[in-house]
Structure formats: C-alpha cells, structure tokens
C-alpha cells in the first residue's frame, strides 16, 4: 500500500534528515521495521484508526472525521498526539 503522506510521515516520525539517509540507511531500516510495531503497541484505538485512515487510506482530515463520526479538530489533535507518541518511541532506536 502506497502512502500519499509518506514524506510527511517520515519527517514527523524520523528525526533523520534526507541528506543523512544514505549514511544512515541502517537506522532508517530500523525505523521502518519498528514503525508498524509502535503503531500497534503504543497507540490508542482512536489514534490507530486516525493514523490508518489519514496516512494509509489517504483520507484528508475531513474525510477521516466523517468516517469516525468525530470533529475535524479531534482528528487533528489525535494525529498530533499519535505522532508525538510515535516519535518518543522511535527516538530510542536512533
């Protein structure tokens, strides 16, 4: 499955700059392997759903909100909290 927001996702979840990727291929590989596990084990049910719909199903925030029956602001806040939690979890790998 292709991610429309993949660059945004990696910017927010991986503190490795694009210039450093070639020299840090091993770390990037670790992050890519760990990301699904972090999403599954560290996020709440709502956070998982928002991440899945927004990043993996390529829905915008309004569509994600409609699918979940919540306000757009709730989607935005939930995604921010999910990204923060993922970032903290992945920092231990890098």
C-alpha atoms as a PDB file:
ATOM      1  CA  UNK A   1       0.000   0.000   0.000  1.00  0.00           C
ATOM      2  CA  UNK A   2       1.423   3.377  -1.006  1.00  0.00           C
ATOM      3  CA  UNK A   3       1.405   6.353   1.324  1.00  0.00           C
ATOM      4  CA  UNK A   4       0.432   9.740  -0.048  1.00  0.00           C
ATOM      5  CA  UNK A   5       1.702  11.370   3.114  1.00  0.00           C
ATOM      6  CA  UNK A   6       4.853   9.242   3.382  1.00  0.00           C
ATOM      7  CA  UNK A   7       7.322  12.133   3.284  1.00  0.00           C
ATOM      8  CA  UNK A   8       5.293  13.983   5.889  1.00  0.00           C
ATOM      9  CA  UNK A   9       5.099  10.802   7.952  1.00  0.00           C
ATOM     10  CA  UNK A  10       8.854  10.239   7.877  1.00  0.00           C
ATOM     11  CA  UNK A  11       9.532  13.923   8.668  1.00  0.00           C
ATOM     12  CA  UNK A  12       7.370  13.712  11.747  1.00  0.00           C
ATOM     13  CA  UNK A  13       8.354  10.237  12.913  1.00  0.00           C
ATOM     14  CA  UNK A  14      12.003  10.059  11.954  1.00  0.00           C
ATOM     15  CA  UNK A  15      14.439  12.762  13.073  1.00  0.00           C
ATOM     16  CA  UNK A  16      16.883  11.774  10.284  1.00  0.00           C
ATOM     17  CA  UNK A  17      17.249  14.430   7.583  1.00  0.00           C
ATOM     18  CA  UNK A  18      17.038  13.437   3.926  1.00  0.00           C
ATOM     19  CA  UNK A  19      20.717  14.372   3.434  1.00  0.00           C
ATOM     20  CA  UNK A  20      21.704  11.819   6.077  1.00  0.00           C
ATOM     21  CA  UNK A  21      19.608   8.919   4.788  1.00  0.00           C
ATOM     22  CA  UNK A  22      22.389   7.369   2.682  1.00  0.00           C
ATOM     23  CA  UNK A  23      24.802   7.449   5.610  1.00  0.00           C
ATOM     24  CA  UNK A  24      22.096   6.279   7.998  1.00  0.00           C
ATOM     25  CA  UNK A  25      20.470   3.501   5.986  1.00  0.00           C
ATOM     26  CA  UNK A  26      20.699   1.111   8.905  1.00  0.00           C
ATOM     27  CA  UNK A  27      18.881   3.480  11.251  1.00  0.00           C
ATOM     28  CA  UNK A  28      16.233   4.202   8.635  1.00  0.00           C
ATOM     29  CA  UNK A  29      15.744   0.476   8.150  1.00  0.00           C
ATOM     30  CA  UNK A  30      15.255   0.057  11.908  1.00  0.00           C
ATOM     31  CA  UNK A  31      12.667   2.825  11.952  1.00  0.00           C
ATOM     32  CA  UNK A  32      10.772   1.303   9.028  1.00  0.00           C
ATOM     33  CA  UNK A  33      10.731  -2.083  10.760  1.00  0.00           C
ATOM     34  CA  UNK A  34       9.706  -0.641  14.108  1.00  0.00           C
ATOM     35  CA  UNK A  35       7.016   1.758  12.924  1.00  0.00           C
ATOM     36  CA  UNK A  36       4.217  -0.836  12.489  1.00  0.00           C
ATOM     37  CA  UNK A  37       5.030  -2.320  15.902  1.00  0.00           C
ATOM     38  CA  UNK A  38       4.997   1.111  17.545  1.00  0.00           C
ATOM     39  CA  UNK A  39       1.656   1.937  15.925  1.00  0.00           C
ATOM     40  CA  UNK A  40       0.165  -1.363  17.066  1.00  0.00           C
ATOM     41  CA  UNK A  41       1.540  -1.381  20.617  1.00  0.00           C
ATOM     42  CA  UNK A  42       1.835   2.278  21.644  1.00  0.00           C
ATOM     43  CA  UNK A  43      -1.222   3.998  20.211  1.00  0.00           C
ATOM     44  CA  UNK A  44      -4.776   4.061  21.491  1.00  0.00           C
ATOM     45  CA  UNK A  45      -7.545   2.575  19.376  1.00  0.00           C
ATOM     46  CA  UNK A  46      -8.637   6.028  18.138  1.00  0.00           C
ATOM     47  CA  UNK A  47      -5.046   7.022  17.353  1.00  0.00           C
ATOM     48  CA  UNK A  48      -4.565   3.837  15.334  1.00  0.00           C
ATOM     49  CA  UNK A  49      -7.759   4.479  13.386  1.00  0.00           C
ATOM     50  CA  UNK A  50      -6.832   8.088  12.639  1.00  0.00           C
ATOM     51  CA  UNK A  51      -3.322   7.111  11.535  1.00  0.00           C
ATOM     52  CA  UNK A  52      -4.681   4.289   9.364  1.00  0.00           C
ATOM     53  CA  UNK A  53      -7.295   6.422   7.646  1.00  0.00           C
ATOM     54  CA  UNK A  54      -5.159   9.539   7.224  1.00  0.00           C
ATOM     55  CA  UNK A  55      -1.801   8.008   6.284  1.00  0.00           C
ATOM     56  CA  UNK A  56      -2.632   4.584   4.867  1.00  0.00           C
ATOM     57  CA  UNK A  57      -6.090   5.143   3.335  1.00  0.00           C
ATOM     58  CA  UNK A  58      -5.066   8.607   2.067  1.00  0.00           C
ATOM     59  CA  UNK A  59      -8.088  10.374   3.555  1.00  0.00           C
ATOM     60  CA  UNK A  60      -7.894  14.042   4.431  1.00  0.00           C
ATOM     61  CA  UNK A  61      -8.839  15.234   7.909  1.00  0.00           C
ATOM     62  CA  UNK A  62     -12.438  15.991   6.960  1.00  0.00           C
ATOM     63  CA  UNK A  63     -12.919  12.531   5.443  1.00  0.00           C
ATOM     64  CA  UNK A  64     -11.247  10.894   8.452  1.00  0.00           C
ATOM     65  CA  UNK A  65     -13.523  12.844  10.801  1.00  0.00           C
ATOM     66  CA  UNK A  66     -16.616  11.808   8.843  1.00  0.00           C
ATOM     67  CA  UNK A  67     -15.557   8.152   8.790  1.00  0.00           C
ATOM     68  CA  UNK A  68     -15.043   8.132  12.557  1.00  0.00           C
ATOM     69  CA  UNK A  69     -18.010  10.357  13.408  1.00  0.00           C
ATOM     70  CA  UNK A  70     -15.859  12.951  15.177  1.00  0.00           C
ATOM     71  CA  UNK A  71     -14.930  16.598  14.598  1.00  0.00           C
ATOM     72  CA  UNK A  72     -12.038  17.589  12.326  1.00  0.00           C
ATOM     73  CA  UNK A  73     -10.319  19.245  15.298  1.00  0.00           C
ATOM     74  CA  UNK A  74     -10.426  15.903  17.133  1.00  0.00           C
ATOM     75  CA  UNK A  75      -8.715  14.217  14.185  1.00  0.00           C
ATOM     76  CA  UNK A  76      -6.023  16.894  14.116  1.00  0.00           C
ATOM     77  CA  UNK A  77      -5.425  16.638  17.861  1.00  0.00           C
ATOM     78  CA  UNK A  78      -5.444  12.824  17.788  1.00  0.00           C
ATOM     79  CA  UNK A  79      -2.930  12.700  14.916  1.00  0.00           C
ATOM     80  CA  UNK A  80      -0.660  15.174  16.727  1.00  0.00           C
ATOM     81  CA  UNK A  81      -0.718  13.072  19.879  1.00  0.00           C
ATOM     82  CA  UNK A  82      -0.121   9.890  17.866  1.00  0.00           C
ATOM     83  CA  UNK A  83       2.874  11.458  16.072  1.00  0.00           C
ATOM     84  CA  UNK A  84       4.290  12.629  19.407  1.00  0.00           C
ATOM     85  CA  UNK A  85       3.916   9.171  20.930  1.00  0.00           C
ATOM     86  CA  UNK A  86       5.469   7.503  17.875  1.00  0.00           C
ATOM     87  CA  UNK A  87       8.365   9.964  17.846  1.00  0.00           C
ATOM     88  CA  UNK A  88       9.140   9.314  21.508  1.00  0.00           C
ATOM     89  CA  UNK A  89       9.020   5.554  20.949  1.00  0.00           C
ATOM     90  CA  UNK A  90      11.262   5.686  17.871  1.00  0.00           C
ATOM     91  CA  UNK A  91      13.837   8.014  19.445  1.00  0.00           C
ATOM     92  CA  UNK A  92      15.112   5.082  21.487  1.00  0.00           C
ATOM     93  CA  UNK A  93      16.119   3.307  18.257  1.00  0.00           C
ATOM     94  CA  UNK A  94      18.035   6.170  16.750  1.00  0.00           C
END
